[in-house]
Amino acid sequence: MIQMGWKVPFTFEQGRDTLSNFGGLGIVGQILAGLPFGKRLRDSQVEGVEQPDISHQDVATAMMGLIAMKMPTYEDIEAVRDDEMFAMALGLEAVPSAPTLRQRIDAAAASEATSGWTKAFHESSDHL
């Protein structure tokens, strides 16, 4: 145990827990889980992706998780795809690959009239 002589006392102890840099992501996941966009995205129709292996909700939530971690590019998902904490913190059933993330978000934007993603996000922002 190390005691530091700072004004705010900190105690550092060695433990068996695995540390992760996704600490705040659990809060983000809880906020997103409480918003109505998830059901809207699950029910949405994205042109060219009629029966996705990874849900629209998981794709959008994974991207929002990346943005919350200051990892705003599609390729950034590869750094967290195999990390169980990322998926668990955001409540993801599956973590998409970079190509899936890019293609799905692009397809949703291209078929906005039928996908309704923007409307789902706007309605959810009213709940924040």
N, C-alpha and C. Protein backbone atom coordinates (compact mmCIF):
# COMPACT_ATOMS: atom_id res chain seq x y z
N MET A 1 0.85 -1.17 0.00
CA MET A 1 0.00 0.00 0.00
C MET A 1 0.90 1.23 0.00
N ILE A 2 0.53 2.21 -0.83
CA ILE A 2 1.29 3.45 -0.92
C ILE A 2 0.39 4.58 -0.45
N GLN A 3 0.84 5.36 0.50
CA GLN A 3 0.10 6.53 0.98
C GLN A 3 0.76 7.78 0.39
N MET A 4 -0.03 8.60 -0.24
CA MET A 4 0.49 9.83 -0.82
C MET A 4 0.14 10.98 0.12
N GLY A 5 0.99 11.99 0.22
CA GLY A 5 0.76 13.11 1.11
C GLY A 5 0.03 14.27 0.46
N TRP A 6 -0.97 13.98 -0.41
CA TRP A 6 -1.70 15.03 -1.09
C TRP A 6 -2.85 15.52 -0.22
N LYS A 7 -3.38 16.69 -0.57
CA LYS A 7 -4.52 17.24 0.16
C LYS A 7 -5.73 16.32 0.08
N VAL A 8 -5.94 15.72 -1.08
CA VAL A 8 -7.00 14.72 -1.23
C VAL A 8 -6.31 13.37 -1.10
N PRO A 9 -6.61 12.63 -0.05
CA PRO A 9 -5.88 11.38 0.18
C PRO A 9 -6.24 10.30 -0.84
N PHE A 10 -5.21 9.67 -1.36
CA PHE A 10 -5.38 8.54 -2.26
C PHE A 10 -4.65 7.35 -1.65
N THR A 11 -5.22 6.20 -1.79
CA THR A 11 -4.56 4.98 -1.36
C THR A 11 -4.50 4.05 -2.56
N PHE A 12 -3.32 3.58 -2.88
CA PHE A 12 -3.13 2.66 -3.98
C PHE A 12 -2.85 1.28 -3.41
N GLU A 13 -3.65 0.33 -3.82
CA GLU A 13 -3.46 -1.03 -3.36
C GLU A 13 -3.43 -1.96 -4.55
N GLN A 14 -2.61 -2.98 -4.46
CA GLN A 14 -2.57 -3.98 -5.51
C GLN A 14 -3.72 -4.95 -5.29
N GLY A 15 -4.45 -5.24 -6.34
CA GLY A 15 -5.57 -6.16 -6.24
C GLY A 15 -5.58 -7.12 -7.40
N ARG A 16 -6.61 -7.90 -7.48
CA ARG A 16 -6.73 -8.89 -8.55
C ARG A 16 -7.64 -8.42 -9.68
N ASP A 17 -8.18 -7.21 -9.53
CA ASP A 17 -9.09 -6.69 -10.54
C ASP A 17 -8.34 -6.30 -11.80
N THR A 18 -9.02 -6.47 -12.92
CA THR A 18 -8.47 -6.04 -14.20
C THR A 18 -8.88 -4.59 -14.42
N LEU A 19 -7.93 -3.75 -14.72
CA LEU A 19 -8.23 -2.34 -14.97
C LEU A 19 -8.59 -2.15 -16.44
N SER A 20 -9.49 -1.24 -16.68
CA SER A 20 -9.93 -0.95 -18.03
C SER A 20 -10.08 0.56 -18.17
N ASN A 21 -9.83 1.06 -19.36
CA ASN A 21 -9.99 2.50 -19.57
C ASN A 21 -11.42 2.85 -19.98
N PHE A 22 -12.35 1.94 -19.76
CA PHE A 22 -13.73 2.16 -20.13
C PHE A 22 -14.60 2.53 -18.94
N GLY A 23 -14.01 3.02 -17.86
CA GLY A 23 -14.74 3.31 -16.63
C GLY A 23 -15.98 4.16 -16.83
N GLY A 24 -15.87 5.27 -17.53
CA GLY A 24 -17.02 6.15 -17.75
C GLY A 24 -17.99 5.62 -18.78
N LEU A 25 -17.57 4.62 -19.52
CA LEU A 25 -18.43 4.09 -20.58
C LEU A 25 -19.66 3.39 -20.01
N GLY A 26 -19.56 2.87 -18.79
CA GLY A 26 -20.72 2.25 -18.15
C GLY A 26 -21.83 3.26 -17.93
N ILE A 27 -21.46 4.48 -17.58
CA ILE A 27 -22.46 5.54 -17.39
C ILE A 27 -23.09 5.88 -18.74
N VAL A 28 -22.27 5.98 -19.77
CA VAL A 28 -22.79 6.25 -21.12
C VAL A 28 -23.76 5.14 -21.52
N GLY A 29 -23.38 3.90 -21.25
CA GLY A 29 -24.25 2.77 -21.59
C GLY A 29 -25.58 2.83 -20.87
N GLN A 30 -25.56 3.22 -19.60
CA GLN A 30 -26.80 3.33 -18.83
C GLN A 30 -27.69 4.44 -19.37
N ILE A 31 -27.10 5.55 -19.74
CA ILE A 31 -27.87 6.66 -20.32
C ILE A 31 -28.50 6.21 -21.64
N LEU A 32 -27.70 5.59 -22.50
CA LEU A 32 -28.22 5.15 -23.80
C LEU A 32 -29.31 4.10 -23.64
N ALA A 33 -29.15 3.20 -22.66
CA ALA A 33 -30.15 2.16 -22.43
C ALA A 33 -31.49 2.74 -22.01
N GLY A 34 -31.47 3.92 -21.40
CA GLY A 34 -32.70 4.55 -20.96
C GLY A 34 -33.39 5.40 -22.02
N LEU A 35 -32.80 5.48 -23.19
CA LEU A 35 -33.37 6.30 -24.27
C LEU A 35 -34.18 5.43 -25.23
N PRO A 36 -35.20 6.01 -25.87
CA PRO A 36 -36.07 5.21 -26.74
C PRO A 36 -35.51 4.90 -28.13
N PHE A 37 -34.32 5.38 -28.47
CA PHE A 37 -33.84 5.17 -29.83
C PHE A 37 -33.59 3.69 -30.14
N GLY A 38 -33.28 2.90 -29.12
CA GLY A 38 -32.96 1.49 -29.34
C GLY A 38 -34.07 0.72 -30.03
N LYS A 39 -35.28 0.83 -29.54
CA LYS A 39 -36.40 0.13 -30.15
C LYS A 39 -36.65 0.65 -31.56
N ARG A 40 -36.56 1.96 -31.74
CA ARG A 40 -36.77 2.55 -33.07
C ARG A 40 -35.74 2.00 -34.06
N LEU A 41 -34.49 1.87 -33.62
CA LEU A 41 -33.46 1.35 -34.52
C LEU A 41 -33.65 -0.13 -34.79
N ARG A 42 -34.04 -0.88 -33.76
CA ARG A 42 -34.27 -2.32 -33.97
C ARG A 42 -35.37 -2.54 -35.00
N ASP A 43 -36.38 -1.68 -35.00
CA ASP A 43 -37.51 -1.81 -35.92
C ASP A 43 -37.28 -1.12 -37.27
N SER A 44 -36.17 -0.40 -37.41
CA SER A 44 -35.94 0.37 -38.64
C SER A 44 -35.54 -0.52 -39.81
N GLN A 45 -35.76 0.01 -40.99
CA GLN A 45 -35.39 -0.68 -42.23
C GLN A 45 -34.29 0.11 -42.92
N VAL A 46 -33.13 -0.50 -43.05
CA VAL A 46 -32.01 0.12 -43.75
C VAL A 46 -31.86 -0.60 -45.08
N GLU A 47 -31.92 0.17 -46.15
CA GLU A 47 -31.85 -0.41 -47.48
C GLU A 47 -30.57 -1.21 -47.68
N GLY A 48 -30.72 -2.43 -48.14
CA GLY A 48 -29.57 -3.31 -48.38
C GLY A 48 -29.16 -4.11 -47.15
N VAL A 49 -29.82 -3.87 -46.02
CA VAL A 49 -29.49 -4.59 -44.78
C VAL A 49 -30.80 -5.05 -44.15
N GLU A 50 -31.47 -5.98 -44.84
CA GLU A 50 -32.80 -6.39 -44.41
C GLU A 50 -32.77 -7.27 -43.15
N GLN A 51 -31.81 -8.17 -43.05
CA GLN A 51 -31.69 -9.05 -41.88
C GLN A 51 -30.25 -9.03 -41.37
N PRO A 52 -29.90 -7.99 -40.63
CA PRO A 52 -28.50 -7.86 -40.21
C PRO A 52 -28.10 -8.88 -39.14
N ASP A 53 -26.85 -9.31 -39.21
CA ASP A 53 -26.31 -10.20 -38.18
C ASP A 53 -26.09 -9.42 -36.89
N ILE A 54 -25.72 -8.16 -37.02
CA ILE A 54 -25.53 -7.27 -35.87
C ILE A 54 -26.62 -6.21 -35.96
N SER A 55 -27.36 -6.05 -34.87
CA SER A 55 -28.51 -5.14 -34.90
C SER A 55 -28.10 -3.70 -35.20
N HIS A 56 -29.06 -2.96 -35.75
CA HIS A 56 -28.84 -1.53 -36.00
C HIS A 56 -28.54 -0.82 -34.68
N GLN A 57 -29.23 -1.25 -33.62
CA GLN A 57 -29.01 -0.64 -32.31
C GLN A 57 -27.57 -0.86 -31.85
N ASP A 58 -27.03 -2.06 -32.00
CA ASP A 58 -25.65 -2.31 -31.59
C ASP A 58 -24.66 -1.50 -32.41
N VAL A 59 -24.93 -1.35 -33.70
CA VAL A 59 -24.04 -0.57 -34.56
C VAL A 59 -24.02 0.90 -34.11
N ALA A 60 -25.20 1.47 -33.93
CA ALA A 60 -25.27 2.89 -33.53
C ALA A 60 -24.70 3.09 -32.12
N THR A 61 -25.01 2.18 -31.21
CA THR A 61 -24.51 2.31 -29.84
C THR A 61 -22.99 2.17 -29.79
N ALA A 62 -22.43 1.26 -30.58
CA ALA A 62 -20.97 1.10 -30.63
C ALA A 62 -20.31 2.39 -31.12
N MET A 63 -20.90 3.03 -32.13
CA MET A 63 -20.33 4.27 -32.64
C MET A 63 -20.42 5.37 -31.59
N MET A 64 -21.55 5.44 -30.88
CA MET A 64 -21.67 6.45 -29.82
C MET A 64 -20.68 6.19 -28.69
N GLY A 65 -20.43 4.93 -28.40
CA GLY A 65 -19.43 4.59 -27.39
C GLY A 65 -18.05 5.05 -27.82
N LEU A 66 -17.71 4.83 -29.09
CA LEU A 66 -16.42 5.29 -29.60
C LEU A 66 -16.29 6.81 -29.48
N ILE A 67 -17.34 7.51 -29.87
CA ILE A 67 -17.30 8.96 -29.80
C ILE A 67 -17.13 9.43 -28.36
N ALA A 68 -17.81 8.77 -27.44
CA ALA A 68 -17.69 9.13 -26.02
C ALA A 68 -16.27 8.92 -25.50
N MET A 69 -15.54 8.00 -26.13
CA MET A 69 -14.16 7.72 -25.73
C MET A 69 -13.14 8.52 -26.55
N LYS A 70 -13.63 9.50 -27.32
CA LYS A 70 -12.77 10.30 -28.20
C LYS A 70 -12.05 9.42 -29.23
N MET A 71 -12.78 8.46 -29.75
CA MET A 71 -12.30 7.58 -30.81
C MET A 71 -13.32 7.64 -31.95
N PRO A 72 -13.34 8.75 -32.69
CA PRO A 72 -14.46 9.01 -33.60
C PRO A 72 -14.39 8.40 -35.00
N THR A 73 -13.42 7.56 -35.29
CA THR A 73 -13.37 6.98 -36.63
C THR A 73 -13.85 5.54 -36.62
N TYR A 74 -14.36 5.10 -37.74
CA TYR A 74 -14.86 3.72 -37.84
C TYR A 74 -13.77 2.71 -37.48
N GLU A 75 -12.54 2.98 -37.92
CA GLU A 75 -11.44 2.05 -37.69
C GLU A 75 -11.11 1.90 -36.20
N ASP A 76 -11.47 2.87 -35.39
CA ASP A 76 -11.19 2.80 -33.95
C ASP A 76 -11.89 1.63 -33.28
N ILE A 77 -12.94 1.11 -33.89
CA ILE A 77 -13.67 -0.01 -33.29
C ILE A 77 -12.78 -1.25 -33.17
N GLU A 78 -11.81 -1.37 -34.06
CA GLU A 78 -10.94 -2.56 -34.04
C GLU A 78 -10.14 -2.65 -32.74
N ALA A 79 -9.85 -1.52 -32.12
CA ALA A 79 -9.08 -1.52 -30.87
C ALA A 79 -9.89 -2.05 -29.70
N VAL A 80 -11.21 -2.07 -29.82
CA VAL A 80 -12.06 -2.50 -28.70
C VAL A 80 -12.94 -3.69 -29.02
N ARG A 81 -12.88 -4.21 -30.22
CA ARG A 81 -13.77 -5.32 -30.62
C ARG A 81 -13.66 -6.53 -29.73
N ASP A 82 -12.47 -6.86 -29.28
CA ASP A 82 -12.27 -8.06 -28.48
C ASP A 82 -12.28 -7.78 -26.98
N ASP A 83 -12.56 -6.56 -26.59
CA ASP A 83 -12.57 -6.21 -25.17
C ASP A 83 -13.99 -6.37 -24.63
N GLU A 84 -14.16 -7.35 -23.75
CA GLU A 84 -15.48 -7.64 -23.19
C GLU A 84 -16.08 -6.44 -22.46
N MET A 85 -15.23 -5.62 -21.85
CA MET A 85 -15.72 -4.46 -21.10
C MET A 85 -16.44 -3.46 -22.00
N PHE A 86 -15.96 -3.27 -23.22
CA PHE A 86 -16.60 -2.35 -24.15
C PHE A 86 -18.03 -2.80 -24.42
N ALA A 87 -18.18 -4.07 -24.79
CA ALA A 87 -19.51 -4.60 -25.09
C ALA A 87 -20.40 -4.60 -23.85
N MET A 88 -19.86 -4.99 -22.72
CA MET A 88 -20.65 -5.06 -21.50
C MET A 88 -21.09 -3.67 -21.04
N ALA A 89 -20.19 -2.70 -21.10
CA ALA A 89 -20.51 -1.35 -20.64
C ALA A 89 -21.63 -0.72 -21.46
N LEU A 90 -21.69 -1.05 -22.75
CA LEU A 90 -22.70 -0.47 -23.63
C LEU A 90 -23.91 -1.37 -23.83
N GLY A 91 -23.87 -2.57 -23.27
CA GLY A 91 -24.99 -3.50 -23.43
C GLY A 91 -25.11 -4.05 -24.83
N LEU A 92 -23.97 -4.24 -25.49
CA LEU A 92 -23.99 -4.73 -26.87
C LEU A 92 -24.06 -6.25 -26.91
N GLU A 93 -24.91 -6.77 -27.80
CA GLU A 93 -24.93 -8.22 -28.02
C GLU A 93 -23.74 -8.62 -28.90
N ALA A 94 -23.34 -7.74 -29.80
CA ALA A 94 -22.21 -7.99 -30.70
C ALA A 94 -21.55 -6.66 -31.02
N VAL A 95 -20.23 -6.70 -31.21
CA VAL A 95 -19.48 -5.49 -31.57
C VAL A 95 -19.15 -5.59 -33.06
N PRO A 96 -19.57 -4.61 -33.84
CA PRO A 96 -19.33 -4.67 -35.29
C PRO A 96 -17.86 -4.43 -35.65
N SER A 97 -17.50 -4.89 -36.83
CA SER A 97 -16.17 -4.60 -37.36
C SER A 97 -16.19 -3.20 -37.96
N ALA A 98 -15.02 -2.68 -38.30
CA ALA A 98 -14.94 -1.35 -38.91
C ALA A 98 -15.72 -1.28 -40.22
N PRO A 99 -15.59 -2.28 -41.12
CA PRO A 99 -16.37 -2.21 -42.36
C PRO A 99 -17.89 -2.25 -42.11
N THR A 100 -18.32 -3.08 -41.16
CA THR A 100 -19.75 -3.15 -40.85
C THR A 100 -20.24 -1.82 -40.30
N LEU A 101 -19.48 -1.24 -39.41
CA LEU A 101 -19.84 0.04 -38.81
C LEU A 101 -19.99 1.11 -39.90
N ARG A 102 -18.98 1.22 -40.75
CA ARG A 102 -19.00 2.24 -41.81
C ARG A 102 -20.14 2.00 -42.80
N GLN A 103 -20.27 0.77 -43.27
CA GLN A 103 -21.28 0.46 -44.28
C GLN A 103 -22.70 0.66 -43.75
N ARG A 104 -22.94 0.25 -42.49
CA ARG A 104 -24.29 0.36 -41.94
C ARG A 104 -24.67 1.82 -41.71
N ILE A 105 -23.75 2.60 -41.15
CA ILE A 105 -24.06 4.01 -40.90
C ILE A 105 -24.24 4.75 -42.21
N ASP A 106 -23.40 4.45 -43.19
CA ASP A 106 -23.57 5.07 -44.52
C ASP A 106 -24.90 4.66 -45.16
N ALA A 107 -25.26 3.38 -45.03
CA ALA A 107 -26.52 2.90 -45.62
C ALA A 107 -27.72 3.53 -44.93
N ALA A 108 -27.65 3.69 -43.61
CA ALA A 108 -28.75 4.32 -42.87
C ALA A 108 -28.91 5.77 -43.30
N ALA A 109 -27.79 6.45 -43.50
CA ALA A 109 -27.86 7.85 -43.94
C ALA A 109 -28.43 7.95 -45.36
N ALA A 110 -28.03 7.01 -46.23
CA ALA A 110 -28.50 7.04 -47.61
C ALA A 110 -29.99 6.69 -47.72
N SER A 111 -30.49 5.90 -46.76
CA SER A 111 -31.90 5.51 -46.81
C SER A 111 -32.67 6.13 -45.65
N GLU A 112 -32.34 7.37 -45.32
CA GLU A 112 -32.94 8.05 -44.17
C GLU A 112 -34.46 8.09 -44.24
N ALA A 113 -35.01 8.18 -45.43
CA ALA A 113 -36.47 8.26 -45.55
C ALA A 113 -37.13 7.01 -44.98
N THR A 114 -36.48 5.87 -45.10
CA THR A 114 -37.07 4.63 -44.58
C THR A 114 -36.44 4.19 -43.27
N SER A 115 -35.19 4.57 -43.02
CA SER A 115 -34.54 4.08 -41.80
C SER A 115 -35.01 4.83 -40.56
N GLY A 116 -35.19 6.15 -40.67
CA GLY A 116 -35.67 6.94 -39.55
C GLY A 116 -34.67 7.10 -38.41
N TRP A 117 -33.39 6.86 -38.67
CA TRP A 117 -32.39 6.96 -37.60
C TRP A 117 -32.34 8.38 -37.04
N THR A 118 -32.31 9.38 -37.92
CA THR A 118 -32.20 10.76 -37.45
C THR A 118 -33.38 11.12 -36.56
N LYS A 119 -34.57 10.74 -36.97
CA LYS A 119 -35.75 11.02 -36.16
C LYS A 119 -35.66 10.31 -34.81
N ALA A 120 -35.18 9.09 -34.80
CA ALA A 120 -35.04 8.33 -33.56
C ALA A 120 -34.07 9.04 -32.60
N PHE A 121 -32.98 9.55 -33.13
CA PHE A 121 -32.00 10.25 -32.30
C PHE A 121 -32.55 11.58 -31.80
N HIS A 122 -33.27 12.29 -32.65
CA HIS A 122 -33.86 13.56 -32.22
C HIS A 122 -34.89 13.35 -31.11
N GLU A 123 -35.72 12.33 -31.27
CA GLU A 123 -36.71 12.04 -30.23
C GLU A 123 -36.03 11.65 -28.91
N SER A 124 -34.94 10.90 -29.02
CA SER A 124 -34.21 10.49 -27.82
C SER A 124 -33.54 11.66 -27.14
N SER A 125 -33.08 12.63 -27.92
CA SER A 125 -32.41 13.78 -27.31
C SER A 125 -33.39 14.60 -26.47
N ASP A 126 -34.68 14.48 -26.76
CA ASP A 126 -35.68 15.17 -25.93
C ASP A 126 -35.76 14.57 -24.53
N HIS A 127 -35.26 13.34 -24.36
CA HIS A 127 -35.31 12.66 -23.07
C HIS A 127 -34.08 12.94 -22.21
N LEU A 128 -33.13 13.64 -22.75
CA LEU A 128 -31.89 13.90 -21.99
C LEU A 128 -32.04 15.10 -21.08
